[in-house]
Amino acid sequence: MEPASTGLWRRWRAIVAWRSVRKSPAPSRPVDPSLEPRGPADDEAYAENRRPRARSFDETLLQEPIAALPRHEPMVFSEADSVAAGMRAMQESHSTCVLVTEDGTRDTSLIGIFTDRDVLFRVINRGRNPTELPLGDVMTPAPEALVEASTIGQVLNRMAVDGFRQFPVVDEFNRPASVVSARDVVDFLVETFPREVLNIPRGSPGSSLRTREGA
C-alpha cells in the first residue's frame, strides 16, 4: 500500500497535464483559398479569367495568295469601243469596271481601266454622249495592277494607300487575268471570321449607316 503523499503527488501531476492540454491551441487546418472572402479586385480578376478571349487576327492570312479570293473574269474592250458598251457590260455583270487592252482581247497587254467613277466624273458630269464617246478618251491609262503572285496583304495595302476599290490582276506578260475588288476582300474576311463579324450587334457604335451607297 503506497503512502498518501505519493497518491496525492500523482493526482496533482495528472491535473496539471490535463490543464496544459486544454490551454494548448488546436492544430491549424489548411484553408481553401476559394473559401476566403474576396474583395472587388479579386472579383474583377475572376471575371477577367472567366471572360472568353477574343480571337486575334492571324497575320498569316495576309500572306495568303490572292487566288484565295473570289475570282472574277475581266470584261475586256478596246480603246475604240464605246463608253455605252462598257457601261452596259458593267450593268449586266454588276461590276464596277471594265479593262481595256491593245486589241480588246485578253491575249494582249492591259493599257487602261474604265470604272463607274469615270462614268460619273468623266462622262455624265461633263455632259458627254456615251454612245459616241470611245473608251480610250475617258479611261485611266496604264492602271496600277497586281500580279498573280500577290498576297492579300498587298491587296489591302494598295487599296488603303492608293484608295482604289478594284485592281486588275495580270500575268507575267501584263495580260489581264482577273479583277480583285474591295468587296472580295470583305467577303473573304467574313468567311474566315464568320462568328466575329456576323454576331456584331446592329446597335453597336458607328452603325448609323442606314442605306447602301447609291441606294
N, C-alpha and C. Protein backbone atom coordinates (compact mmCIF):
# COMPACT_ATOMS: atom_id res chain seq x y z
N MET A 1 0.86 -1.19 0.00
CA MET A 1 0.00 0.00 0.00
C MET A 1 0.89 1.23 0.00
N GLU A 2 0.63 2.17 -1.06
CA GLU A 2 1.52 3.31 -1.19
C GLU A 2 1.14 4.41 -0.22
N PRO A 3 2.13 5.24 0.18
CA PRO A 3 1.84 6.33 1.13
C PRO A 3 0.85 7.32 0.52
N ALA A 4 0.11 8.02 1.36
CA ALA A 4 -0.88 9.00 0.90
C ALA A 4 -0.23 10.14 0.14
N SER A 5 0.95 10.52 0.56
CA SER A 5 1.64 11.63 -0.12
C SER A 5 1.96 11.28 -1.55
N THR A 6 2.30 9.97 -1.81
CA THR A 6 2.62 9.56 -3.17
C THR A 6 1.38 9.61 -4.05
N GLY A 7 0.23 9.19 -3.53
CA GLY A 7 -1.00 9.23 -4.30
C GLY A 7 -1.41 10.65 -4.64
N LEU A 8 -1.25 11.57 -3.67
CA LEU A 8 -1.59 12.97 -3.94
C LEU A 8 -0.69 13.57 -5.03
N TRP A 9 0.58 13.20 -4.99
CA TRP A 9 1.53 13.70 -5.98
C TRP A 9 1.15 13.28 -7.40
N ARG A 10 0.73 12.03 -7.55
CA ARG A 10 0.33 11.54 -8.87
C ARG A 10 -0.94 12.25 -9.36
N ARG A 11 -1.90 12.46 -8.46
CA ARG A 11 -3.13 13.14 -8.84
C ARG A 11 -2.84 14.58 -9.26
N TRP A 12 -1.94 15.24 -8.54
CA TRP A 12 -1.60 16.63 -8.89
C TRP A 12 -0.96 16.72 -10.27
N ARG A 13 -0.06 15.78 -10.62
CA ARG A 13 0.60 15.76 -11.94
C ARG A 13 -0.41 15.51 -13.06
N ALA A 14 -1.39 14.63 -12.77
CA ALA A 14 -2.40 14.35 -13.78
C ALA A 14 -3.26 15.58 -14.06
N ILE A 15 -3.59 16.35 -12.97
CA ILE A 15 -4.40 17.55 -13.15
C ILE A 15 -3.63 18.61 -13.95
N VAL A 16 -2.35 18.79 -13.67
CA VAL A 16 -1.53 19.78 -14.39
C VAL A 16 -1.43 19.42 -15.88
N ALA A 17 -1.23 18.10 -16.16
CA ALA A 17 -1.13 17.67 -17.55
C ALA A 17 -2.44 17.90 -18.30
N TRP A 18 -3.58 17.67 -17.65
CA TRP A 18 -4.89 17.86 -18.29
C TRP A 18 -5.15 19.33 -18.59
N ARG A 19 -4.77 20.22 -17.65
CA ARG A 19 -4.95 21.66 -17.88
C ARG A 19 -4.07 22.17 -19.02
N SER A 20 -2.86 21.65 -19.15
CA SER A 20 -1.97 22.10 -20.23
C SER A 20 -2.51 21.71 -21.60
N VAL A 21 -3.17 20.55 -21.63
CA VAL A 21 -3.77 20.12 -22.90
C VAL A 21 -4.92 21.03 -23.28
N ARG A 22 -5.74 21.47 -22.32
CA ARG A 22 -6.87 22.35 -22.60
C ARG A 22 -6.40 23.71 -23.09
N LYS A 23 -5.27 24.19 -22.55
CA LYS A 23 -4.79 25.53 -22.92
C LYS A 23 -4.03 25.55 -24.25
N SER A 24 -3.53 24.45 -24.73
CA SER A 24 -2.75 24.44 -25.98
C SER A 24 -3.68 24.68 -27.17
N PRO A 25 -3.25 25.49 -28.18
CA PRO A 25 -4.10 25.79 -29.33
C PRO A 25 -4.30 24.56 -30.22
N ALA A 26 -5.48 24.52 -30.83
CA ALA A 26 -5.77 23.40 -31.74
C ALA A 26 -4.91 23.52 -32.99
N PRO A 27 -4.50 22.40 -33.55
CA PRO A 27 -3.67 22.44 -34.76
C PRO A 27 -4.42 23.12 -35.90
N SER A 28 -3.70 24.00 -36.65
CA SER A 28 -4.32 24.73 -37.76
C SER A 28 -4.56 23.82 -38.95
N ARG A 29 -5.67 24.08 -39.63
CA ARG A 29 -6.01 23.31 -40.81
C ARG A 29 -5.78 24.16 -42.06
N PRO A 30 -5.35 23.56 -43.17
CA PRO A 30 -5.17 24.35 -44.40
C PRO A 30 -6.49 24.93 -44.87
N VAL A 31 -6.46 26.21 -45.28
CA VAL A 31 -7.66 26.91 -45.70
C VAL A 31 -7.75 26.91 -47.21
N ASP A 32 -8.90 26.55 -47.72
CA ASP A 32 -9.13 26.57 -49.17
C ASP A 32 -9.21 28.03 -49.64
N PRO A 33 -8.29 28.50 -50.53
CA PRO A 33 -8.32 29.91 -50.97
C PRO A 33 -9.64 30.31 -51.59
N SER A 34 -10.36 29.37 -52.20
CA SER A 34 -11.62 29.73 -52.84
C SER A 34 -12.71 30.08 -51.83
N LEU A 35 -12.48 29.67 -50.51
CA LEU A 35 -13.48 29.95 -49.49
C LEU A 35 -13.20 31.23 -48.73
N GLU A 36 -12.02 31.83 -48.98
CA GLU A 36 -11.69 33.06 -48.28
C GLU A 36 -12.49 34.22 -48.86
N PRO A 37 -12.80 35.23 -48.05
CA PRO A 37 -13.54 36.40 -48.54
C PRO A 37 -12.77 37.09 -49.67
N ARG A 38 -13.50 37.54 -50.70
CA ARG A 38 -12.88 38.22 -51.83
C ARG A 38 -13.31 39.67 -51.86
N GLY A 39 -12.37 40.51 -52.28
CA GLY A 39 -12.67 41.93 -52.43
C GLY A 39 -12.99 42.25 -53.87
N PRO A 40 -13.27 43.52 -54.20
CA PRO A 40 -13.60 43.93 -55.58
C PRO A 40 -12.51 43.58 -56.57
N ALA A 41 -11.24 43.75 -56.16
CA ALA A 41 -10.14 43.45 -57.08
C ALA A 41 -10.12 41.97 -57.42
N ASP A 42 -10.40 41.11 -56.43
CA ASP A 42 -10.43 39.68 -56.69
C ASP A 42 -11.57 39.32 -57.63
N ASP A 43 -12.73 39.97 -57.44
CA ASP A 43 -13.87 39.70 -58.31
C ASP A 43 -13.56 40.08 -59.75
N GLU A 44 -12.87 41.21 -59.96
CA GLU A 44 -12.53 41.64 -61.32
C GLU A 44 -11.56 40.67 -61.96
N ALA A 45 -10.59 40.20 -61.17
CA ALA A 45 -9.63 39.23 -61.71
C ALA A 45 -10.32 37.93 -62.08
N TYR A 46 -11.27 37.51 -61.24
CA TYR A 46 -12.02 36.28 -61.52
C TYR A 46 -12.84 36.43 -62.80
N ALA A 47 -13.51 37.57 -62.92
CA ALA A 47 -14.33 37.80 -64.11
C ALA A 47 -13.47 37.85 -65.37
N GLU A 48 -12.29 38.44 -65.26
CA GLU A 48 -11.39 38.54 -66.41
C GLU A 48 -10.94 37.15 -66.86
N ASN A 49 -10.66 36.27 -65.88
CA ASN A 49 -10.22 34.93 -66.23
C ASN A 49 -11.35 34.11 -66.84
N ARG A 50 -12.59 34.40 -66.43
CA ARG A 50 -13.73 33.67 -66.95
C ARG A 50 -14.18 34.17 -68.32
N ARG A 51 -13.81 35.43 -68.67
CA ARG A 51 -14.26 36.02 -69.92
C ARG A 51 -13.56 35.33 -71.09
N PRO A 52 -14.30 34.92 -72.13
CA PRO A 52 -13.67 34.28 -73.29
C PRO A 52 -12.71 35.22 -74.00
N ARG A 53 -11.58 34.72 -74.35
CA ARG A 53 -10.56 35.53 -75.02
C ARG A 53 -10.96 35.81 -76.46
N ALA A 54 -10.79 37.07 -76.90
CA ALA A 54 -11.11 37.44 -78.28
C ALA A 54 -10.11 36.80 -79.23
N ARG A 55 -10.59 36.37 -80.36
CA ARG A 55 -9.71 35.75 -81.34
C ARG A 55 -8.88 36.82 -82.02
N SER A 56 -7.58 36.64 -81.99
CA SER A 56 -6.69 37.62 -82.57
C SER A 56 -6.58 37.40 -84.08
N PHE A 57 -6.33 38.50 -84.78
CA PHE A 57 -6.19 38.43 -86.23
C PHE A 57 -4.92 37.66 -86.56
N ASP A 58 -5.06 36.65 -87.37
CA ASP A 58 -3.93 35.81 -87.74
C ASP A 58 -3.17 36.47 -88.87
N GLU A 59 -1.92 36.85 -88.61
CA GLU A 59 -1.13 37.56 -89.61
C GLU A 59 -0.82 36.69 -90.82
N THR A 60 -0.91 35.38 -90.65
CA THR A 60 -0.64 34.51 -91.80
C THR A 60 -1.69 34.68 -92.89
N LEU A 61 -2.87 35.20 -92.51
CA LEU A 61 -3.89 35.45 -93.53
C LEU A 61 -3.42 36.46 -94.55
N LEU A 62 -2.61 37.42 -94.11
CA LEU A 62 -2.11 38.44 -95.02
C LEU A 62 -1.15 37.86 -96.05
N GLN A 63 -0.60 36.69 -95.76
CA GLN A 63 0.32 36.05 -96.70
C GLN A 63 -0.39 35.11 -97.66
N GLU A 64 -1.71 34.98 -97.50
CA GLU A 64 -2.46 34.13 -98.43
C GLU A 64 -2.40 34.74 -99.83
N PRO A 65 -2.28 33.91 -100.86
CA PRO A 65 -2.28 34.46 -102.24
C PRO A 65 -3.66 34.95 -102.63
N ILE A 66 -3.70 35.86 -103.57
CA ILE A 66 -4.99 36.40 -104.00
C ILE A 66 -5.85 35.34 -104.68
N ALA A 67 -5.26 34.18 -104.95
CA ALA A 67 -6.06 33.09 -105.50
C ALA A 67 -7.11 32.61 -104.50
N ALA A 68 -6.91 32.94 -103.19
CA ALA A 68 -7.89 32.57 -102.17
C ALA A 68 -9.14 33.43 -102.25
N LEU A 69 -9.07 34.56 -102.95
CA LEU A 69 -10.22 35.45 -103.09
C LEU A 69 -11.12 34.98 -104.24
N PRO A 70 -12.38 35.39 -104.24
CA PRO A 70 -13.26 35.06 -105.37
C PRO A 70 -12.65 35.56 -106.68
N ARG A 71 -12.73 34.76 -107.70
CA ARG A 71 -12.13 35.13 -108.98
C ARG A 71 -13.20 35.67 -109.92
N HIS A 72 -12.93 36.83 -110.50
CA HIS A 72 -13.85 37.45 -111.45
C HIS A 72 -13.17 37.58 -112.80
N GLU A 73 -13.78 36.98 -113.79
CA GLU A 73 -13.23 37.08 -115.14
C GLU A 73 -13.35 38.53 -115.62
N PRO A 74 -12.29 39.10 -116.16
CA PRO A 74 -12.34 40.50 -116.59
C PRO A 74 -13.16 40.68 -117.84
N MET A 75 -13.87 41.79 -117.93
CA MET A 75 -14.56 42.20 -119.15
C MET A 75 -13.61 43.11 -119.91
N VAL A 76 -13.27 42.72 -121.11
CA VAL A 76 -12.20 43.38 -121.86
C VAL A 76 -12.76 44.06 -123.11
N PHE A 77 -12.29 45.30 -123.33
CA PHE A 77 -12.69 46.08 -124.50
C PHE A 77 -11.44 46.70 -125.12
N SER A 78 -11.65 47.29 -126.28
CA SER A 78 -10.57 48.03 -126.95
C SER A 78 -10.79 49.52 -126.75
N GLU A 79 -9.79 50.31 -127.10
CA GLU A 79 -9.90 51.77 -126.96
C GLU A 79 -11.01 52.34 -127.84
N ALA A 80 -11.27 51.68 -128.96
CA ALA A 80 -12.26 52.19 -129.91
C ALA A 80 -13.70 51.86 -129.52
N ASP A 81 -13.89 50.90 -128.63
CA ASP A 81 -15.25 50.55 -128.21
C ASP A 81 -15.88 51.72 -127.48
N SER A 82 -17.19 51.82 -127.59
CA SER A 82 -17.89 52.97 -127.00
C SER A 82 -18.03 52.84 -125.49
N VAL A 83 -18.16 54.00 -124.87
CA VAL A 83 -18.41 54.04 -123.43
C VAL A 83 -19.74 53.37 -123.12
N ALA A 84 -20.72 53.52 -124.00
CA ALA A 84 -22.02 52.90 -123.78
C ALA A 84 -21.90 51.38 -123.70
N ALA A 85 -21.04 50.79 -124.51
CA ALA A 85 -20.83 49.34 -124.46
C ALA A 85 -20.22 48.92 -123.13
N GLY A 86 -19.25 49.71 -122.67
CA GLY A 86 -18.64 49.42 -121.38
C GLY A 86 -19.62 49.56 -120.23
N MET A 87 -20.44 50.61 -120.27
CA MET A 87 -21.44 50.82 -119.22
C MET A 87 -22.46 49.69 -119.21
N ARG A 88 -22.86 49.23 -120.40
CA ARG A 88 -23.84 48.15 -120.49
C ARG A 88 -23.26 46.85 -119.90
N ALA A 89 -21.99 46.60 -120.19
CA ALA A 89 -21.35 45.39 -119.66
C ALA A 89 -21.26 45.44 -118.14
N MET A 90 -20.92 46.60 -117.58
CA MET A 90 -20.85 46.73 -116.13
C MET A 90 -22.21 46.52 -115.48
N GLN A 91 -23.24 47.05 -116.11
CA GLN A 91 -24.60 46.92 -115.56
C GLN A 91 -25.06 45.47 -115.59
N GLU A 92 -24.82 44.77 -116.69
CA GLU A 92 -25.29 43.40 -116.82
C GLU A 92 -24.56 42.44 -115.88
N SER A 93 -23.29 42.72 -115.62
CA SER A 93 -22.49 41.82 -114.78
C SER A 93 -22.39 42.30 -113.33
N HIS A 94 -23.06 43.41 -113.02
CA HIS A 94 -22.99 44.00 -111.67
C HIS A 94 -21.54 44.24 -111.25
N SER A 95 -20.76 44.74 -112.20
CA SER A 95 -19.35 45.03 -111.93
C SER A 95 -19.14 46.54 -111.87
N THR A 96 -17.97 46.94 -111.41
CA THR A 96 -17.66 48.37 -111.29
C THR A 96 -16.58 48.82 -112.27
N CYS A 97 -16.11 47.92 -113.13
CA CYS A 97 -15.07 48.33 -114.06
C CYS A 97 -14.99 47.39 -115.26
N VAL A 98 -14.40 47.90 -116.33
CA VAL A 98 -14.02 47.07 -117.47
C VAL A 98 -12.56 47.39 -117.77
N LEU A 99 -11.87 46.44 -118.39
CA LEU A 99 -10.46 46.62 -118.72
C LEU A 99 -10.31 46.88 -120.22
N VAL A 100 -9.28 47.62 -120.55
CA VAL A 100 -9.01 47.95 -121.95
C VAL A 100 -7.64 47.39 -122.32
N THR A 101 -7.59 46.63 -123.41
CA THR A 101 -6.33 46.07 -123.89
C THR A 101 -6.04 46.59 -125.30
N GLU A 102 -4.90 46.19 -125.83
CA GLU A 102 -4.47 46.71 -127.12
C GLU A 102 -5.45 46.37 -128.25
N ASP A 103 -5.99 45.15 -128.22
CA ASP A 103 -6.90 44.76 -129.31
C ASP A 103 -8.28 44.36 -128.80
N GLY A 104 -8.56 44.60 -127.52
CA GLY A 104 -9.87 44.27 -126.99
C GLY A 104 -10.04 42.82 -126.58
N THR A 105 -8.93 42.06 -126.50
CA THR A 105 -8.99 40.67 -126.05
C THR A 105 -8.02 40.48 -124.88
N ARG A 106 -8.11 39.32 -124.24
CA ARG A 106 -7.23 39.03 -123.11
C ARG A 106 -5.86 38.53 -123.57
N ASP A 107 -5.64 38.51 -124.87
CA ASP A 107 -4.38 38.00 -125.40
C ASP A 107 -3.32 39.08 -125.54
N THR A 108 -3.69 40.34 -125.28
CA THR A 108 -2.73 41.44 -125.40
C THR A 108 -2.64 42.20 -124.08
N SER A 109 -1.70 43.13 -124.02
CA SER A 109 -1.38 43.81 -122.77
C SER A 109 -2.50 44.75 -122.32
N LEU A 110 -2.59 44.90 -121.02
CA LEU A 110 -3.53 45.85 -120.41
C LEU A 110 -3.02 47.27 -120.62
N ILE A 111 -3.89 48.13 -121.10
CA ILE A 111 -3.48 49.53 -121.32
C ILE A 111 -4.38 50.53 -120.60
N GLY A 112 -5.51 50.09 -120.05
CA GLY A 112 -6.39 51.04 -119.39
C GLY A 112 -7.48 50.36 -118.58
N ILE A 113 -8.14 51.15 -117.75
CA ILE A 113 -9.28 50.68 -116.96
C ILE A 113 -10.35 51.77 -116.97
N PHE A 114 -11.59 51.36 -117.04
CA PHE A 114 -12.72 52.30 -117.03
C PHE A 114 -13.67 51.85 -115.93
N THR A 115 -13.95 52.76 -114.97
CA THR A 115 -14.73 52.40 -113.80
C THR A 115 -16.04 53.18 -113.73
N ASP A 116 -16.88 52.81 -112.76
CA ASP A 116 -18.14 53.53 -112.57
C ASP A 116 -17.91 54.98 -112.16
N ARG A 117 -16.80 55.26 -111.52
CA ARG A 117 -16.48 56.64 -111.17
C ARG A 117 -16.15 57.45 -112.42
N ASP A 118 -15.51 56.81 -113.38
CA ASP A 118 -15.25 57.50 -114.64
C ASP A 118 -16.56 57.85 -115.35
N VAL A 119 -17.53 56.95 -115.22
CA VAL A 119 -18.84 57.23 -115.81
C VAL A 119 -19.42 58.52 -115.22
N LEU A 120 -19.29 58.66 -113.91
CA LEU A 120 -19.87 59.82 -113.24
C LEU A 120 -19.09 61.10 -113.53
N PHE A 121 -17.77 61.05 -113.32
CA PHE A 121 -16.99 62.29 -113.36
C PHE A 121 -16.50 62.67 -114.77
N ARG A 122 -16.29 61.69 -115.63
CA ARG A 122 -15.74 62.00 -116.95
C ARG A 122 -16.76 61.97 -118.06
N VAL A 123 -17.92 61.41 -117.77
CA VAL A 123 -18.95 61.33 -118.81
C VAL A 123 -20.18 62.14 -118.43
N ILE A 124 -20.89 61.74 -117.39
CA ILE A 124 -22.14 62.38 -117.02
C ILE A 124 -21.92 63.83 -116.58
N ASN A 125 -20.95 64.06 -115.69
CA ASN A 125 -20.72 65.41 -115.18
C ASN A 125 -20.30 66.39 -116.28
N ARG A 126 -19.76 65.86 -117.36
CA ARG A 126 -19.31 66.73 -118.44
C ARG A 126 -20.32 66.76 -119.60
N GLY A 127 -21.44 66.08 -119.41
CA GLY A 127 -22.49 66.11 -120.42
C GLY A 127 -22.09 65.48 -121.73
N ARG A 128 -21.29 64.45 -121.71
CA ARG A 128 -20.83 63.81 -122.94
C ARG A 128 -21.73 62.62 -123.29
N ASN A 129 -21.85 62.35 -124.56
CA ASN A 129 -22.72 61.28 -125.06
C ASN A 129 -21.96 59.95 -125.05
N PRO A 130 -22.36 58.99 -124.19
CA PRO A 130 -21.60 57.73 -124.08
C PRO A 130 -21.66 56.88 -125.34
N THR A 131 -22.68 57.08 -126.17
CA THR A 131 -22.77 56.26 -127.38
C THR A 131 -21.76 56.71 -128.44
N GLU A 132 -21.32 57.94 -128.37
CA GLU A 132 -20.38 58.46 -129.36
C GLU A 132 -18.97 58.63 -128.81
N LEU A 133 -18.79 58.27 -127.54
CA LEU A 133 -17.51 58.50 -126.88
C LEU A 133 -16.73 57.19 -126.77
N PRO A 134 -15.50 57.13 -127.31
CA PRO A 134 -14.71 55.90 -127.19
C PRO A 134 -14.10 55.77 -125.80
N LEU A 135 -13.91 54.53 -125.36
CA LEU A 135 -13.33 54.29 -124.03
C LEU A 135 -11.93 54.89 -123.91
N GLY A 136 -11.21 54.92 -125.01
CA GLY A 136 -9.85 55.45 -124.98
C GLY A 136 -9.78 56.89 -124.52
N ASP A 137 -10.89 57.65 -124.69
CA ASP A 137 -10.88 59.07 -124.33
C ASP A 137 -11.12 59.30 -122.83
N VAL A 138 -11.70 58.35 -122.14
CA VAL A 138 -12.07 58.58 -120.74
C VAL A 138 -11.52 57.52 -119.77
N MET A 139 -10.82 56.54 -120.30
CA MET A 139 -10.26 55.51 -119.42
C MET A 139 -9.06 56.06 -118.65
N THR A 140 -8.65 55.34 -117.61
CA THR A 140 -7.41 55.65 -116.90
C THR A 140 -6.30 54.83 -117.54
N PRO A 141 -5.35 55.49 -118.21
CA PRO A 141 -4.31 54.72 -118.91
C PRO A 141 -3.27 54.16 -117.95
N ALA A 142 -2.62 53.07 -118.38
CA ALA A 142 -1.56 52.43 -117.61
C ALA A 142 -1.95 52.27 -116.14
N PRO A 143 -3.04 51.56 -115.86
CA PRO A 143 -3.51 51.47 -114.48
C PRO A 143 -2.60 50.64 -113.59
N GLU A 144 -2.67 50.91 -112.31
CA GLU A 144 -1.97 50.09 -111.32
C GLU A 144 -2.55 48.67 -111.39
N ALA A 145 -1.69 47.68 -111.34
CA ALA A 145 -2.15 46.30 -111.44
C ALA A 145 -1.38 45.42 -110.47
N LEU A 146 -1.97 44.29 -110.13
CA LEU A 146 -1.33 43.28 -109.28
C LEU A 146 -0.95 42.09 -110.13
N VAL A 147 0.09 41.40 -109.70
CA VAL A 147 0.46 40.16 -110.39
C VAL A 147 -0.20 38.99 -109.68
N GLU A 148 -0.26 37.87 -110.36
CA GLU A 148 -0.97 36.72 -109.81
C GLU A 148 -0.33 36.18 -108.54
N ALA A 149 0.95 36.49 -108.31
CA ALA A 149 1.64 36.02 -107.10
C ALA A 149 1.44 36.96 -105.91
N SER A 150 0.68 38.03 -106.07
CA SER A 150 0.46 38.98 -104.98
C SER A 150 -0.30 38.32 -103.83
N THR A 151 -0.14 38.90 -102.63
CA THR A 151 -0.81 38.38 -101.45
C THR A 151 -1.99 39.27 -101.07
N ILE A 152 -2.84 38.75 -100.19
CA ILE A 152 -3.98 39.53 -99.71
C ILE A 152 -3.49 40.76 -98.95
N GLY A 153 -2.39 40.64 -98.23
CA GLY A 153 -1.83 41.78 -97.53
C GLY A 153 -1.43 42.89 -98.49
N GLN A 154 -0.88 42.52 -99.64
CA GLN A 154 -0.51 43.53 -100.64
C GLN A 154 -1.74 44.19 -101.24
N VAL A 155 -2.80 43.42 -101.43
CA VAL A 155 -4.05 44.00 -101.93
C VAL A 155 -4.58 45.04 -100.95
N LEU A 156 -4.63 44.67 -99.66
CA LEU A 156 -5.12 45.60 -98.64
C LEU A 156 -4.26 46.85 -98.57
N ASN A 157 -2.95 46.68 -98.69
CA ASN A 157 -2.04 47.82 -98.63
C ASN A 157 -2.28 48.77 -99.79
N ARG A 158 -2.43 48.24 -100.98
CA ARG A 158 -2.61 49.10 -102.15
C ARG A 158 -3.96 49.81 -102.10
N MET A 159 -4.98 49.10 -101.63
CA MET A 159 -6.29 49.73 -101.54
C MET A 159 -6.32 50.82 -100.48
N ALA A 160 -5.62 50.58 -99.36
CA ALA A 160 -5.60 51.57 -98.29
C ALA A 160 -4.75 52.78 -98.66
N VAL A 161 -3.60 52.55 -99.27
CA VAL A 161 -2.67 53.64 -99.60
C VAL A 161 -3.14 54.42 -100.83
N ASP A 162 -3.54 53.70 -101.87
CA ASP A 162 -3.90 54.35 -103.13
C ASP A 162 -5.38 54.71 -103.23
N GLY A 163 -6.21 54.13 -102.36
CA GLY A 163 -7.63 54.45 -102.35
C GLY A 163 -8.43 53.81 -103.47
N PHE A 164 -7.89 52.77 -104.11
CA PHE A 164 -8.62 52.10 -105.19
C PHE A 164 -9.57 51.05 -104.62
N ARG A 165 -10.69 50.85 -105.32
CA ARG A 165 -11.66 49.84 -104.88
C ARG A 165 -11.53 48.53 -105.65
N GLN A 166 -10.83 48.57 -106.78
CA GLN A 166 -10.62 47.36 -107.56
C GLN A 166 -9.26 47.42 -108.24
N PHE A 167 -8.69 46.25 -108.45
CA PHE A 167 -7.38 46.16 -109.09
C PHE A 167 -7.43 45.10 -110.18
N PRO A 168 -6.87 45.42 -111.35
CA PRO A 168 -6.67 44.36 -112.35
C PRO A 168 -5.55 43.43 -111.88
N VAL A 169 -5.69 42.17 -112.19
CA VAL A 169 -4.63 41.19 -111.93
C VAL A 169 -4.11 40.72 -113.29
N VAL A 170 -2.79 40.81 -113.47
CA VAL A 170 -2.20 40.48 -114.77
C VAL A 170 -1.20 39.34 -114.62
N ASP A 171 -0.92 38.70 -115.75
CA ASP A 171 0.08 37.64 -115.75
C ASP A 171 1.46 38.23 -116.01
N GLU A 172 2.43 37.38 -116.24
CA GLU A 172 3.81 37.85 -116.42
C GLU A 172 3.99 38.68 -117.68
N PHE A 173 3.03 38.62 -118.61
CA PHE A 173 3.12 39.39 -119.84
C PHE A 173 2.18 40.61 -119.81
N ASN A 174 1.69 40.95 -118.65
CA ASN A 174 0.80 42.09 -118.45
C ASN A 174 -0.55 41.90 -119.14
N ARG A 175 -0.93 40.65 -119.32
CA ARG A 175 -2.24 40.36 -119.88
C ARG A 175 -3.25 40.19 -118.75
N PRO A 176 -4.46 40.71 -118.89
CA PRO A 176 -5.44 40.64 -117.80
C PRO A 176 -5.83 39.21 -117.48
N ALA A 177 -5.79 38.88 -116.18
CA ALA A 177 -6.17 37.53 -115.74
C ALA A 177 -7.46 37.54 -114.94
N SER A 178 -7.65 38.57 -114.11
CA SER A 178 -8.86 38.67 -113.30
C SER A 178 -8.93 40.08 -112.72
N VAL A 179 -9.96 40.31 -111.90
CA VAL A 179 -10.13 41.59 -111.22
C VAL A 179 -10.42 41.31 -109.75
N VAL A 180 -9.75 42.04 -108.86
CA VAL A 180 -9.96 41.92 -107.42
C VAL A 180 -10.58 43.21 -106.91
N SER A 181 -11.66 43.10 -106.14
CA SER A 181 -12.32 44.28 -105.60
C SER A 181 -12.27 44.28 -104.08
N ALA A 182 -12.57 45.45 -103.50
CA ALA A 182 -12.61 45.56 -102.05
C ALA A 182 -13.67 44.63 -101.48
N ARG A 183 -14.77 44.44 -102.19
CA ARG A 183 -15.82 43.54 -101.73
C ARG A 183 -15.32 42.10 -101.61
N ASP A 184 -14.43 41.71 -102.52
CA ASP A 184 -13.87 40.36 -102.45
C ASP A 184 -13.10 40.16 -101.16
N VAL A 185 -12.33 41.17 -100.75
CA VAL A 185 -11.55 41.07 -99.52
C VAL A 185 -12.48 41.01 -98.31
N VAL A 186 -13.54 41.83 -98.33
CA VAL A 186 -14.51 41.82 -97.22
C VAL A 186 -15.17 40.45 -97.12
N ASP A 187 -15.60 39.88 -98.24
CA ASP A 187 -16.23 38.57 -98.22
C ASP A 187 -15.27 37.50 -97.70
N PHE A 188 -14.01 37.61 -98.05
CA PHE A 188 -13.01 36.66 -97.57
C PHE A 188 -12.88 36.73 -96.05
N LEU A 189 -12.85 37.95 -95.50
CA LEU A 189 -12.72 38.11 -94.05
C LEU A 189 -13.97 37.61 -93.33
N VAL A 190 -15.14 37.82 -93.92
CA VAL A 190 -16.38 37.34 -93.30
C VAL A 190 -16.38 35.81 -93.27
N GLU A 191 -15.92 35.18 -94.34
CA GLU A 191 -15.87 33.72 -94.37
C GLU A 191 -14.83 33.18 -93.40
N THR A 192 -13.77 33.94 -93.17
CA THR A 192 -12.72 33.48 -92.27
C THR A 192 -13.11 33.68 -90.81
N PHE A 193 -13.79 34.80 -90.51
CA PHE A 193 -14.22 35.10 -89.15
C PHE A 193 -15.74 35.28 -89.11
N PRO A 194 -16.51 34.25 -89.45
CA PRO A 194 -17.97 34.43 -89.52
C PRO A 194 -18.60 34.80 -88.19
N ARG A 195 -18.17 34.14 -87.11
CA ARG A 195 -18.78 34.42 -85.81
C ARG A 195 -18.46 35.82 -85.34
N GLU A 196 -17.19 36.23 -85.49
CA GLU A 196 -16.79 37.55 -85.00
C GLU A 196 -17.47 38.67 -85.78
N VAL A 197 -17.68 38.48 -87.07
CA VAL A 197 -18.26 39.54 -87.90
C VAL A 197 -19.78 39.54 -87.85
N LEU A 198 -20.39 38.37 -88.01
CA LEU A 198 -21.84 38.30 -88.14
C LEU A 198 -22.57 38.48 -86.82
N ASN A 199 -21.88 38.28 -85.69
CA ASN A 199 -22.53 38.42 -84.38
C ASN A 199 -22.38 39.80 -83.77
N ILE A 200 -21.83 40.75 -84.53
CA ILE A 200 -21.73 42.12 -84.01
C ILE A 200 -23.13 42.72 -83.94
N PRO A 201 -23.55 43.23 -82.76
CA PRO A 201 -24.90 43.80 -82.65
C PRO A 201 -25.11 44.96 -83.62
N ARG A 202 -26.31 45.04 -84.17
CA ARG A 202 -26.60 46.11 -85.13
C ARG A 202 -26.59 47.47 -84.45
N GLY A 203 -26.81 47.52 -83.13
CA GLY A 203 -26.84 48.79 -82.43
C GLY A 203 -25.49 49.23 -81.91
N SER A 204 -24.40 48.61 -82.41
CA SER A 204 -23.07 48.97 -81.94
C SER A 204 -22.73 50.39 -82.37
N PRO A 205 -21.81 51.05 -81.63
CA PRO A 205 -21.39 52.40 -82.03
C PRO A 205 -20.86 52.40 -83.44
N GLY A 206 -21.23 53.43 -84.19
CA GLY A 206 -20.77 53.54 -85.57
C GLY A 206 -21.65 52.84 -86.57
N SER A 207 -22.81 52.32 -86.09
CA SER A 207 -23.70 51.60 -87.01
C SER A 207 -24.86 52.47 -87.47
N SER A 208 -24.61 53.76 -87.66
CA SER A 208 -25.68 54.69 -88.03
C SER A 208 -25.99 54.67 -89.52
N LEU A 209 -25.14 53.96 -90.33
CA LEU A 209 -25.38 53.89 -91.78
C LEU A 209 -26.64 53.08 -92.04
N ARG A 210 -27.59 53.66 -92.77
CA ARG A 210 -28.88 53.02 -92.98
C ARG A 210 -29.08 52.48 -94.38
N THR A 211 -28.47 53.13 -95.37
CA THR A 211 -28.69 52.72 -96.75
C THR A 211 -27.39 52.40 -97.43
N ARG A 212 -27.46 51.58 -98.48
CA ARG A 212 -26.27 51.27 -99.25
C ARG A 212 -25.87 52.45 -100.12
N GLU A 213 -24.61 52.44 -100.52
CA GLU A 213 -24.13 53.51 -101.39
C GLU A 213 -24.90 53.49 -102.70
N GLY A 214 -25.43 54.64 -103.05
CA GLY A 214 -26.15 54.73 -104.30
C GLY A 214 -27.62 54.38 -104.20
N ALA A 215 -28.06 53.89 -103.02
CA ALA A 215 -29.48 53.49 -102.89
C ALA A 215 -30.35 54.72 -102.69
